[in-house]
């Protein structure tokens, strides 16, 4: 799936419109160099379509490209990191 993922910095989230609503990954700043990925939400009708994984991978890639470290408070982001160990270099600590 090729989502149009937008980074809404004003509201600390990555968001993609689906036909059933917004898929969102929310974060907060832990400090100047670290983001805490707090939650991922995908409309129920769009689950099992890979949308959450694409959203998480996009957010992890963005953090890496912009020299941020990531704390994965969100269990789904932790799961994606387990499935994609090549992205673990962005993890804080």
Protein backbone atom coordinates (compact mmCIF):
# COMPACT_ATOMS: atom_id res chain seq x y z
CA UNK A 1 0.00 0.00 0.00
CA UNK A 2 1.29 3.46 -0.84
CA UNK A 3 -0.05 5.88 1.75
CA UNK A 4 0.21 9.64 1.63
CA UNK A 5 1.65 10.15 5.12
CA UNK A 6 1.84 13.70 6.40
CA UNK A 7 3.90 14.91 9.34
CA UNK A 8 1.72 17.25 11.40
CA UNK A 9 4.44 18.81 13.58
CA UNK A 10 2.03 21.25 15.20
CA UNK A 11 0.11 18.33 16.72
CA UNK A 12 3.06 15.90 17.09
CA UNK A 13 1.71 13.21 14.82
CA UNK A 14 2.11 11.40 11.55
CA UNK A 15 -1.21 10.97 9.77
CA UNK A 16 -2.59 9.24 6.70
CA UNK A 17 -6.14 9.46 5.41
CA UNK A 18 -7.80 6.13 4.64
CA UNK A 19 -11.24 5.57 3.21
CA UNK A 20 -12.44 4.91 6.77
CA UNK A 21 -10.76 7.82 8.57
CA UNK A 22 -7.35 8.83 9.86
CA UNK A 23 -4.50 6.50 10.69
CA UNK A 24 -2.32 8.28 13.25
CA UNK A 25 0.97 7.79 15.06
CA UNK A 26 1.25 10.25 17.96
CA UNK A 27 4.47 11.28 19.64
CA UNK A 28 5.91 13.72 22.14
CA UNK A 29 9.37 15.18 22.57
CA UNK A 30 11.28 13.51 25.38
CA UNK A 31 14.10 16.04 24.94
CA UNK A 32 15.73 18.06 22.16
CA UNK A 33 17.07 14.96 20.39
CA UNK A 34 14.54 12.28 21.34
CA UNK A 35 10.96 11.55 20.31
CA UNK A 36 8.64 9.23 22.25
CA UNK A 37 6.32 7.36 19.86
CA UNK A 38 3.31 7.00 22.14
CA UNK A 39 0.44 5.45 20.16
CA UNK A 40 -0.63 4.19 16.77
CA UNK A 41 -4.29 4.11 15.77
CA UNK A 42 -5.74 2.72 12.54
CA UNK A 43 -9.50 2.64 11.82
CA UNK A 44 -10.84 -0.86 12.57
CA UNK A 45 -11.91 -1.39 8.95
CA UNK A 46 -8.34 -0.76 7.77
CA UNK A 47 -6.53 -3.02 10.23
CA UNK A 48 -4.67 -6.00 8.81
CA UNK A 49 -3.90 -3.93 5.67
CA UNK A 50 -0.36 -2.98 6.69
CA UNK A 51 -1.28 0.67 7.27
CA UNK A 52 0.00 0.78 10.85
CA UNK A 53 3.29 -0.80 9.85
CA UNK A 54 3.78 1.64 6.96
CA UNK A 55 2.98 4.56 9.26
CA UNK A 56 5.44 3.35 11.92
CA UNK A 57 8.21 2.69 9.39
CA UNK A 58 7.71 6.14 7.88
CA UNK A 59 7.92 7.77 11.31
CA UNK A 60 11.06 5.79 12.20
CA UNK A 61 12.69 6.71 8.90
CA UNK A 62 11.80 10.38 9.41
CA UNK A 63 13.40 10.32 12.87
CA UNK A 64 16.57 8.75 11.52
CA UNK A 65 16.81 11.20 8.60
CA UNK A 66 16.40 14.12 11.01
CA UNK A 67 18.90 12.89 13.62
CA UNK A 68 16.37 12.03 16.33
CA UNK A 69 16.46 9.04 18.66
CA UNK A 70 13.17 7.25 19.39
CA UNK A 71 11.59 5.82 22.52
CA UNK A 72 8.94 3.27 21.55
CA UNK A 73 6.29 3.59 24.27
CA UNK A 74 3.71 2.34 21.77
CA UNK A 75 3.52 -1.49 21.81
CA UNK A 76 2.79 -1.55 18.09
CA UNK A 77 5.92 0.49 17.28
CA UNK A 78 7.89 -1.96 19.45
CA UNK A 79 6.42 -4.82 17.41
CA UNK A 80 7.37 -3.14 14.12
CA UNK A 81 10.91 -2.67 15.41
CA UNK A 82 11.11 -6.38 16.25
CA UNK A 83 9.98 -7.19 12.71
CA UNK A 84 12.44 -4.70 11.18
CA UNK A 85 15.70 -4.89 13.16
CA UNK A 86 17.43 -2.68 10.58
CA UNK A 87 15.41 0.24 12.01
CA UNK A 88 16.57 -0.34 15.60
CA UNK A 89 19.57 1.97 15.12
CA UNK A 90 17.23 4.90 15.76
CA UNK A 91 16.31 3.64 19.24
CA UNK A 92 17.32 5.75 22.24
CA UNK A 93 19.64 4.11 24.76
